[in-house]
Amino acid sequence: MAPCTALALLVEAWLQDYHGDELYFLSAAQHLSWGYADQGALVPFLAWLGEGSPLTLRIPAVLATVVGVVLTALLAREFGGGRWAQTAAAAAYAASPRVLDTGSLLLTQTFDIPLWIATTLLLVRWARTGSDRLWWGMGLLAGVAFTVKPLIAVFWACCVAVLLATRRRSVPWAGLGKLPALAVAGALPYLIWQGFHGFPQLTLIPVVAQETGEFAGGNCAGLFPVCRAAAAARISTAAGSRWWRRIALGVSAFSGAVVLATSLLSGGPSSPAWATAATLEVRAEQGWSGFTDAVSTAYHHLPPATTIVTDHYWQASALNWFGAGRGLPPAHSPHRGFSYFGEPWDAAQAILFVGTDPAELPTHCLRVSATPADGDHGFAGLNEGVPIWLCNTPRQSWETLWPQLRHS
């Protein structure tokens, strides 16, 4: 199962263009740090290592996803499942939309999920064996997870709450005491960076939740393999399990084939509209080259001392990656974590603003053009049909103005 998953994901990684978040990590890789406003240091560092092409960029993501497949099988074994249960759990995980949709992309969730599976595996094994040595492994995994994102803290807060509620007389205090030692070691660089910058992660949590409409659903994806492993183990021992096995394998095979076909068909500019519309992640990979061309055309009709400001961090990330070969200067955005990569320079004589509404800028703006809109690929208002504005420079210095625009 793992080799088949690796092959499918490598094909996807080779065919598909950069995802908007991958472009953001490539921008973050130009500002390597111990921490960032919205994440730890691991994923930008991996982007820095593999920035040569989409395929090289995504090799760590493919490896992490394949490890997740293997860990899901091991988790089914911990639940008492035999060979069939282990294979079925691994197949269900490998064929899930989350894996086939994002398992080949260099995203934080691509690493969060296998780290959560590994942590759950050790936790279930501890519940079965009672070995306190496993807590050192869980602490190490928590430390690594903190270098991706601090979501592992939510995982452990829930686990401790459950232990207190259900096993009050046998709470493993000795084991829990070992957990923070390695976890804090991994989290310390991120926490120090956050402390020096006023803990912007706390500010960004409601911003991201409002923009995506998703507070916990995607962030809990690391728990889905637990359900698959437990279900596979239960089905393998249930009465009439032969029929349940056939149903489970059929559903996994069908859903995996649909998602994989959609991802592969959407891998190029001539892909059908129904394929690119199927998932958010697929559409996030479309339209950035044409978007950059439109901004480049507008920019080269302006004085050279013009700075570029975008409304969304994906837009600035795309311009920084694709615009270097088109003669564009570094783009800036006050949106999310991108705002910490620096503000525009005060010597600029004009602003080329890319976004739906420049009202957030305290200056006069005139619409000069817009990015192309074919209606089939990309996001309307994000990289399709986005207005491009020429604005006067603000009276305030950017150093004063930038913190006021941040997170908007």
Protein backbone atom coordinates (compact mmCIF):
# COMPACT_ATOMS: atom_id res chain seq x y z
CA MET A 1 0.00 0.00 0.00
CA ALA A 2 2.79 2.45 0.89
CA PRO A 3 4.63 2.07 -2.48
CA CYS A 4 1.37 2.59 -4.41
CA THR A 5 0.62 5.72 -2.39
CA ALA A 6 4.13 7.04 -2.95
CA LEU A 7 3.85 6.51 -6.72
CA ALA A 8 0.46 8.24 -6.94
CA LEU A 9 1.65 11.19 -4.88
CA LEU A 10 4.88 11.57 -6.85
CA VAL A 11 2.85 11.74 -10.08
CA GLU A 12 0.65 14.41 -8.54
CA ALA A 13 3.69 16.31 -7.27
CA TRP A 14 5.21 16.27 -10.74
CA LEU A 15 2.05 17.33 -12.61
CA GLN A 16 0.65 20.06 -10.38
CA ASP A 17 1.79 23.66 -10.13
CA TYR A 18 2.61 25.45 -6.90
CA HIS A 19 -0.13 25.74 -4.28
CA GLY A 20 -0.69 29.21 -2.83
CA ASP A 21 0.57 28.13 0.59
CA GLU A 22 3.63 26.53 -0.97
CA LEU A 23 4.44 29.87 -2.58
CA TYR A 24 4.07 31.43 0.87
CA PHE A 25 6.53 28.94 2.35
CA LEU A 26 8.97 29.73 -0.46
CA SER A 27 8.71 33.41 0.53
CA ALA A 28 9.18 32.46 4.18
CA ALA A 29 12.28 30.50 3.12
CA GLN A 30 13.81 33.81 2.06
CA HIS A 31 13.37 34.97 5.66
CA LEU A 32 14.60 31.91 7.57
CA SER A 33 13.90 32.24 11.28
CA TRP A 34 13.35 30.21 14.45
CA GLY A 35 9.65 30.98 14.25
CA TYR A 36 6.97 32.77 12.27
CA ALA A 37 3.72 34.55 13.02
CA ASP A 38 1.59 31.57 12.03
CA GLN A 39 3.82 28.49 12.33
CA GLY A 40 7.10 26.97 13.42
CA ALA A 41 10.31 26.86 11.45
CA LEU A 42 10.21 23.36 9.92
CA VAL A 43 8.14 23.81 6.74
CA PRO A 44 9.86 27.04 5.57
CA PHE A 45 13.21 25.32 6.17
CA LEU A 46 12.11 22.35 4.03
CA ALA A 47 10.96 24.82 1.35
CA TRP A 48 14.42 26.38 1.42
CA LEU A 49 16.01 22.95 0.91
CA GLY A 50 13.79 21.95 -2.02
CA GLU A 51 12.98 25.20 -3.79
CA GLY A 52 14.35 24.06 -7.17
CA SER A 53 11.07 22.70 -8.58
CA PRO A 54 7.59 21.62 -7.45
CA LEU A 55 8.75 17.98 -7.39
CA THR A 56 11.85 18.53 -5.25
CA LEU A 57 9.88 20.85 -2.98
CA ARG A 58 7.30 18.13 -2.33
CA ILE A 59 9.49 15.09 -1.70
CA PRO A 60 9.42 15.60 2.12
CA ALA A 61 5.62 15.87 1.97
CA VAL A 62 5.31 12.63 0.00
CA LEU A 63 7.60 10.84 2.47
CA ALA A 64 5.58 12.15 5.43
CA THR A 65 2.32 10.98 3.89
CA VAL A 66 3.69 7.52 3.13
CA VAL A 67 4.88 7.26 6.74
CA GLY A 68 1.32 8.14 7.77
CA VAL A 69 0.01 5.18 5.73
CA VAL A 70 2.38 2.80 7.51
CA LEU A 71 1.57 4.25 10.93
CA THR A 72 -2.16 3.82 10.31
CA ALA A 73 -1.58 0.11 9.65
CA LEU A 74 0.44 -0.17 12.87
CA LEU A 75 -2.35 1.60 14.72
CA ALA A 76 -4.85 -0.98 13.48
CA ARG A 77 -2.54 -3.67 14.83
CA GLU A 78 -2.50 -1.95 18.22
CA PHE A 79 -6.29 -2.16 18.23
CA GLY A 80 -6.03 -5.93 17.76
CA GLY A 81 -6.50 -6.06 14.01
CA GLY A 82 -4.86 -8.71 11.89
CA ARG A 83 -3.30 -8.43 8.45
CA TRP A 84 -6.61 -7.64 6.74
CA ALA A 85 -7.45 -4.90 9.25
CA GLN A 86 -4.02 -3.35 8.88
CA THR A 87 -4.26 -3.36 5.08
CA ALA A 88 -7.80 -2.00 5.13
CA ALA A 89 -6.90 0.82 7.53
CA ALA A 90 -3.88 1.79 5.45
CA ALA A 91 -5.94 1.65 2.25
CA ALA A 92 -8.73 3.75 3.75
CA TYR A 93 -6.22 6.37 4.85
CA ALA A 94 -4.30 6.34 1.55
CA ALA A 95 -7.54 6.64 -0.46
CA SER A 96 -8.99 9.45 1.66
CA PRO A 97 -9.60 12.83 0.01
CA ARG A 98 -7.34 14.54 2.54
CA VAL A 99 -4.35 12.40 1.56
CA LEU A 100 -4.84 12.35 -2.21
CA ASP A 101 -5.75 16.04 -2.26
CA THR A 102 -2.94 17.44 -0.11
CA GLY A 103 -0.60 14.53 0.64
CA SER A 104 1.80 15.59 -2.10
CA LEU A 105 1.83 19.28 -1.13
CA LEU A 106 4.32 20.98 1.18
CA LEU A 107 1.75 22.20 3.72
CA THR A 108 1.85 22.24 7.51
CA GLN A 109 -1.06 19.80 7.75
CA THR A 110 0.88 17.29 5.62
CA PHE A 111 3.33 16.95 8.51
CA ASP A 112 0.89 17.53 11.35
CA ILE A 113 -1.20 14.49 10.40
CA PRO A 114 1.53 11.78 10.53
CA LEU A 115 2.91 13.34 13.73
CA TRP A 116 -0.55 13.06 15.33
CA ILE A 117 -0.89 9.46 14.08
CA ALA A 118 2.51 8.56 15.57
CA THR A 119 1.60 10.21 18.86
CA THR A 120 -1.72 8.36 18.98
CA LEU A 121 0.04 5.09 18.18
CA LEU A 122 2.35 5.50 21.19
CA LEU A 123 -0.55 6.60 23.38
CA VAL A 124 -2.62 3.54 22.46
CA ARG A 125 0.41 1.31 23.01
CA TRP A 126 0.92 2.87 26.44
CA ALA A 127 -2.74 2.18 27.29
CA ARG A 128 -2.18 -1.46 26.28
CA THR A 129 1.22 -2.06 27.87
CA GLY A 130 1.51 0.58 30.60
CA SER A 131 5.16 1.24 29.67
CA ASP A 132 6.13 4.71 30.89
CA ARG A 133 9.12 4.76 28.53
CA LEU A 134 6.71 5.52 25.70
CA TRP A 135 6.15 8.98 27.16
CA TRP A 136 9.67 9.99 26.12
CA GLY A 137 8.75 9.15 22.53
CA MET A 138 5.52 11.11 22.81
CA GLY A 139 7.46 14.07 24.20
CA LEU A 140 9.90 13.92 21.28
CA LEU A 141 7.02 13.84 18.79
CA ALA A 142 5.38 16.81 20.53
CA GLY A 143 8.63 18.76 20.24
CA VAL A 144 8.89 18.03 16.52
CA ALA A 145 5.20 18.88 16.03
CA PHE A 146 5.77 22.29 17.61
CA THR A 147 8.27 23.08 14.87
CA VAL A 148 5.38 22.69 12.43
CA LYS A 149 2.47 24.28 14.32
CA PRO A 150 1.38 24.48 17.97
CA LEU A 151 -1.76 22.42 17.35
CA ILE A 152 -0.24 19.49 19.20
CA ALA A 153 -0.85 21.45 22.41
CA VAL A 154 -4.61 21.23 21.74
CA PHE A 155 -4.26 17.48 21.19
CA TRP A 156 -2.55 16.98 24.54
CA ALA A 157 -4.91 19.31 26.40
CA CYS A 158 -7.80 17.11 25.22
CA CYS A 159 -5.93 13.92 26.13
CA VAL A 160 -5.14 15.13 29.64
CA ALA A 161 -8.77 16.20 30.09
CA VAL A 162 -9.94 12.72 29.06
CA LEU A 163 -7.44 11.03 31.39
CA LEU A 164 -8.57 13.17 34.28
CA ALA A 165 -12.23 12.51 33.52
CA THR A 166 -12.04 8.76 32.93
CA ARG A 167 -9.01 7.48 34.88
CA ARG A 168 -8.83 9.83 37.83
CA ARG A 169 -7.28 7.21 40.14
CA SER A 170 -4.62 6.07 37.69
CA VAL A 171 -3.54 9.21 35.90
CA PRO A 172 0.06 8.58 34.69
CA TRP A 173 1.59 11.56 36.43
CA ALA A 174 5.11 10.14 36.05
CA GLY A 175 4.62 9.78 32.30
CA LEU A 176 2.98 13.17 31.94
CA GLY A 177 5.95 14.65 33.79
CA LYS A 178 8.31 13.33 31.09
CA LEU A 179 6.20 14.73 28.26
CA PRO A 180 6.99 18.46 28.68
CA ALA A 181 10.77 17.98 28.84
CA LEU A 182 11.24 17.21 25.14
CA ALA A 183 8.08 19.05 24.05
CA VAL A 184 9.31 22.34 25.51
CA ALA A 185 12.74 21.83 23.94
CA GLY A 186 11.12 21.66 20.51
CA ALA A 187 8.70 24.48 21.21
CA LEU A 188 11.20 26.89 22.79
CA PRO A 189 12.50 28.56 19.57
CA TYR A 190 8.93 29.11 18.37
CA LEU A 191 7.80 30.44 21.77
CA ILE A 192 10.78 32.81 22.04
CA TRP A 193 10.07 34.23 18.57
CA GLN A 194 6.39 34.61 19.41
CA GLY A 195 7.25 36.32 22.70
CA PHE A 196 9.51 38.88 21.03
CA HIS A 197 6.76 39.71 18.52
CA GLY A 198 3.80 39.85 20.90
CA PHE A 199 2.42 36.34 20.20
CA PRO A 200 0.88 37.12 16.79
CA GLN A 201 -0.32 33.50 16.50
CA LEU A 202 -3.07 34.31 19.01
CA THR A 203 -4.20 37.23 16.86
CA LEU A 204 -4.19 35.15 13.70
CA ILE A 205 -6.36 32.31 15.04
CA PRO A 206 -9.69 34.20 14.74
CA VAL A 207 -8.54 35.83 11.48
CA VAL A 208 -7.87 32.46 9.84
CA ALA A 209 -11.07 30.96 11.26
CA GLN A 210 -13.13 33.81 9.83
CA GLU A 211 -11.48 33.68 6.40
CA THR A 212 -11.60 29.92 5.96
CA GLY A 213 -14.80 29.16 7.86
CA GLU A 214 -12.90 26.29 9.45
CA PHE A 215 -11.74 26.39 13.05
CA ALA A 216 -11.22 22.75 13.96
CA GLY A 217 -12.31 20.46 11.13
CA GLY A 218 -9.11 20.51 9.07
CA ASN A 219 -6.96 20.80 12.17
CA CYS A 220 -8.31 17.53 13.57
CA ALA A 221 -7.51 15.53 10.44
CA GLY A 222 -4.76 13.75 12.35
CA LEU A 223 -7.44 11.94 14.36
CA PHE A 224 -9.26 10.50 11.33
CA PRO A 225 -6.78 7.63 10.86
CA VAL A 226 -7.50 6.57 14.45
CA CYS A 227 -11.13 6.11 13.51
CA ARG A 228 -10.19 4.19 10.37
CA ALA A 229 -7.81 1.90 12.26
CA ALA A 230 -10.32 1.21 15.04
CA ALA A 231 -13.10 0.59 12.51
CA ALA A 232 -10.94 -1.79 10.46
CA ALA A 233 -9.99 -3.76 13.57
CA ARG A 234 -13.64 -3.97 14.66
CA ILE A 235 -14.92 -4.98 11.21
CA SER A 236 -12.33 -7.75 10.93
CA THR A 237 -13.69 -9.44 14.08
CA ALA A 238 -17.41 -8.65 13.70
CA ALA A 239 -20.08 -11.20 12.83
CA GLY A 240 -20.57 -11.37 9.08
CA SER A 241 -17.26 -9.59 8.61
CA ARG A 242 -16.83 -10.91 5.05
CA TRP A 243 -19.55 -8.60 3.74
CA TRP A 244 -18.38 -5.67 5.81
CA ARG A 245 -14.88 -6.16 4.45
CA ARG A 246 -16.12 -6.06 0.89
CA ILE A 247 -18.15 -2.91 1.54
CA ALA A 248 -15.24 -1.16 3.28
CA LEU A 249 -12.77 -1.97 0.51
CA GLY A 250 -15.25 -0.98 -2.18
CA VAL A 251 -15.93 2.41 -0.61
CA SER A 252 -12.21 3.09 -0.13
CA ALA A 253 -11.35 2.07 -3.69
CA PHE A 254 -14.15 4.17 -5.21
CA SER A 255 -13.45 7.32 -3.21
CA GLY A 256 -9.72 7.02 -3.82
CA ALA A 257 -10.18 6.60 -7.58
CA VAL A 258 -12.47 9.66 -7.79
CA VAL A 259 -10.14 11.92 -5.82
CA LEU A 260 -7.00 10.70 -7.60
CA ALA A 261 -8.58 11.13 -11.05
CA THR A 262 -9.71 14.65 -10.14
CA SER A 263 -6.24 15.61 -8.90
CA LEU A 264 -4.47 14.21 -11.97
CA LEU A 265 -6.92 15.75 -14.45
CA SER A 266 -6.48 19.15 -12.83
CA GLY A 267 -2.71 19.11 -13.15
CA GLY A 268 -2.39 21.41 -16.18
CA PRO A 269 -3.76 24.61 -17.72
CA SER A 270 -5.97 22.65 -20.15
CA SER A 271 -7.68 20.71 -17.39
CA PRO A 272 -11.49 20.58 -17.41
CA ALA A 273 -13.35 23.11 -15.29
CA TRP A 274 -15.18 20.40 -13.31
CA ALA A 275 -11.83 18.99 -12.16
CA THR A 276 -10.39 22.27 -10.95
CA ALA A 277 -13.67 23.15 -9.27
CA ALA A 278 -13.74 19.89 -7.35
CA THR A 279 -11.49 20.88 -4.49
CA LEU A 280 -10.14 24.00 -2.85
CA GLU A 281 -6.58 22.70 -2.94
CA VAL A 282 -6.66 22.08 -6.69
CA ARG A 283 -7.93 25.58 -7.42
CA ALA A 284 -5.23 27.00 -5.17
CA GLU A 285 -2.66 25.77 -7.69
CA GLN A 286 -4.21 27.42 -10.74
CA GLY A 287 -3.86 30.83 -12.36
CA TRP A 288 -0.76 32.24 -10.66
CA SER A 289 1.39 32.59 -13.77
CA GLY A 290 -1.28 34.58 -15.65
CA PHE A 291 -1.90 36.63 -12.51
CA THR A 292 1.79 37.55 -12.35
CA ASP A 293 1.88 38.41 -16.07
CA ALA A 294 -0.96 40.92 -15.62
CA VAL A 295 0.70 42.58 -12.64
CA SER A 296 4.02 42.68 -14.51
CA THR A 297 2.41 44.39 -17.51
CA ALA A 298 0.88 47.06 -15.26
CA TYR A 299 4.10 47.55 -13.31
CA HIS A 300 6.32 48.12 -16.34
CA HIS A 301 4.14 51.06 -17.42
CA LEU A 302 4.90 52.86 -14.15
CA PRO A 303 7.93 54.70 -12.76
CA PRO A 304 10.68 52.35 -11.54
CA ALA A 305 10.38 53.65 -7.97
CA THR A 306 7.01 51.90 -7.53
CA THR A 307 6.36 49.41 -4.74
CA ILE A 308 3.88 46.53 -4.94
CA VAL A 309 1.39 45.84 -2.14
CA THR A 310 -1.18 43.04 -2.30
CA ASP A 311 -4.35 42.36 -0.37
CA HIS A 312 -3.69 38.63 0.19
CA TYR A 313 -0.54 36.77 1.19
CA TRP A 314 -0.93 34.25 -1.66
CA GLN A 315 -0.82 37.14 -4.14
CA ALA A 316 2.40 38.56 -2.70
CA SER A 317 3.92 35.08 -2.52
CA ALA A 318 3.12 34.37 -6.19
CA LEU A 319 4.54 37.70 -7.31
CA ASN A 320 7.74 37.10 -5.35
CA TRP A 321 8.23 33.65 -6.87
CA PHE A 322 7.07 34.14 -10.46
CA GLY A 323 7.86 37.86 -10.66
CA ALA A 324 11.61 37.62 -10.17
CA GLY A 325 12.07 36.56 -13.79
CA ARG A 326 9.68 39.24 -15.00
CA GLY A 327 11.57 42.16 -13.48
CA LEU A 328 9.22 42.75 -10.56
CA PRO A 329 10.48 44.07 -7.21
CA PRO A 330 9.65 42.21 -3.97
CA ALA A 331 5.94 42.39 -3.17
CA HIS A 332 4.57 43.21 0.27
CA SER A 333 1.33 42.32 2.01
CA PRO A 334 -0.13 43.19 5.41
CA HIS A 335 -2.07 39.93 5.33
CA ARG A 336 -1.42 37.25 7.99
CA GLY A 337 2.17 36.15 8.53
CA PHE A 338 3.43 37.77 5.34
CA SER A 339 3.27 41.16 7.04
CA TYR A 340 6.28 40.18 9.17
CA PHE A 341 8.49 39.84 6.09
CA GLY A 342 8.87 43.62 5.94
CA GLU A 343 7.03 46.78 4.94
CA PRO A 344 7.46 48.75 1.69
CA TRP A 345 10.26 51.28 1.43
CA ASP A 346 9.47 54.93 2.12
CA ALA A 347 11.38 56.17 -0.94
CA ALA A 348 8.77 54.64 -3.28
CA GLN A 349 7.04 57.25 -5.44
CA ALA A 350 3.88 55.21 -6.09
CA ILE A 351 2.06 52.06 -4.98
CA LEU A 352 0.79 49.34 -7.27
CA PHE A 353 -1.96 47.80 -5.14
CA VAL A 354 -3.34 44.39 -6.13
CA GLY A 355 -6.64 43.58 -4.48
CA THR A 356 -10.38 44.06 -4.57
CA ASP A 357 -10.53 47.24 -2.47
CA PRO A 358 -7.64 49.59 -1.64
CA ALA A 359 -9.72 51.45 0.95
CA GLU A 360 -7.43 50.19 3.71
CA LEU A 361 -4.66 52.39 2.31
CA PRO A 362 -5.02 56.00 3.53
CA THR A 363 -4.33 57.47 0.09
CA HIS A 364 -5.93 58.10 -3.29
CA CYS A 365 -6.05 55.17 -5.75
CA LEU A 366 -7.02 54.82 -9.41
CA ARG A 367 -7.87 51.49 -11.03
CA VAL A 368 -5.56 50.83 -13.98
CA SER A 369 -6.24 47.19 -15.00
CA ALA A 370 -7.18 43.73 -13.72
CA THR A 371 -5.81 40.20 -13.83
CA PRO A 372 -7.33 37.79 -16.39
CA ALA A 373 -10.51 35.87 -15.59
CA ASP A 374 -11.42 32.77 -17.59
CA GLY A 375 -13.88 31.44 -15.01
CA ASP A 376 -12.47 27.92 -15.09
CA HIS A 377 -9.29 28.00 -13.01
CA GLY A 378 -8.09 29.71 -9.86
CA PHE A 379 -10.06 31.92 -7.49
CA ALA A 380 -12.22 34.84 -8.54
CA GLY A 381 -11.08 37.91 -6.64
CA LEU A 382 -7.83 36.26 -5.58
CA ASN A 383 -5.96 35.58 -8.81
CA GLU A 384 -8.78 35.89 -11.36
CA GLY A 385 -10.30 39.25 -12.23
CA VAL A 386 -8.39 41.01 -9.45
CA PRO A 387 -8.32 44.82 -9.84
CA ILE A 388 -4.91 46.50 -10.06
CA TRP A 389 -4.69 50.02 -8.65
CA LEU A 390 -2.18 52.86 -8.88
CA CYS A 391 -2.04 54.69 -5.55
CA ASN A 392 -0.22 57.69 -4.17
CA THR A 393 2.25 57.06 -1.38
CA PRO A 394 0.72 57.61 2.07
CA ARG A 395 1.66 60.61 4.20
CA GLN A 396 2.59 58.39 7.12
CA SER A 397 5.78 56.39 7.03
CA TRP A 398 5.35 52.70 6.27
CA GLU A 399 6.97 51.88 9.59
CA THR A 400 4.09 53.66 11.33
CA LEU A 401 1.34 52.56 8.95
CA TRP A 402 2.24 48.88 8.54
CA PRO A 403 1.28 47.67 12.04
CA GLN A 404 -2.13 49.34 11.59
CA LEU A 405 -2.74 47.42 8.35
CA ARG A 406 -1.42 44.11 9.69
CA HIS A 407 -3.83 41.13 9.83
CA SER A 408 -6.45 43.05 7.84
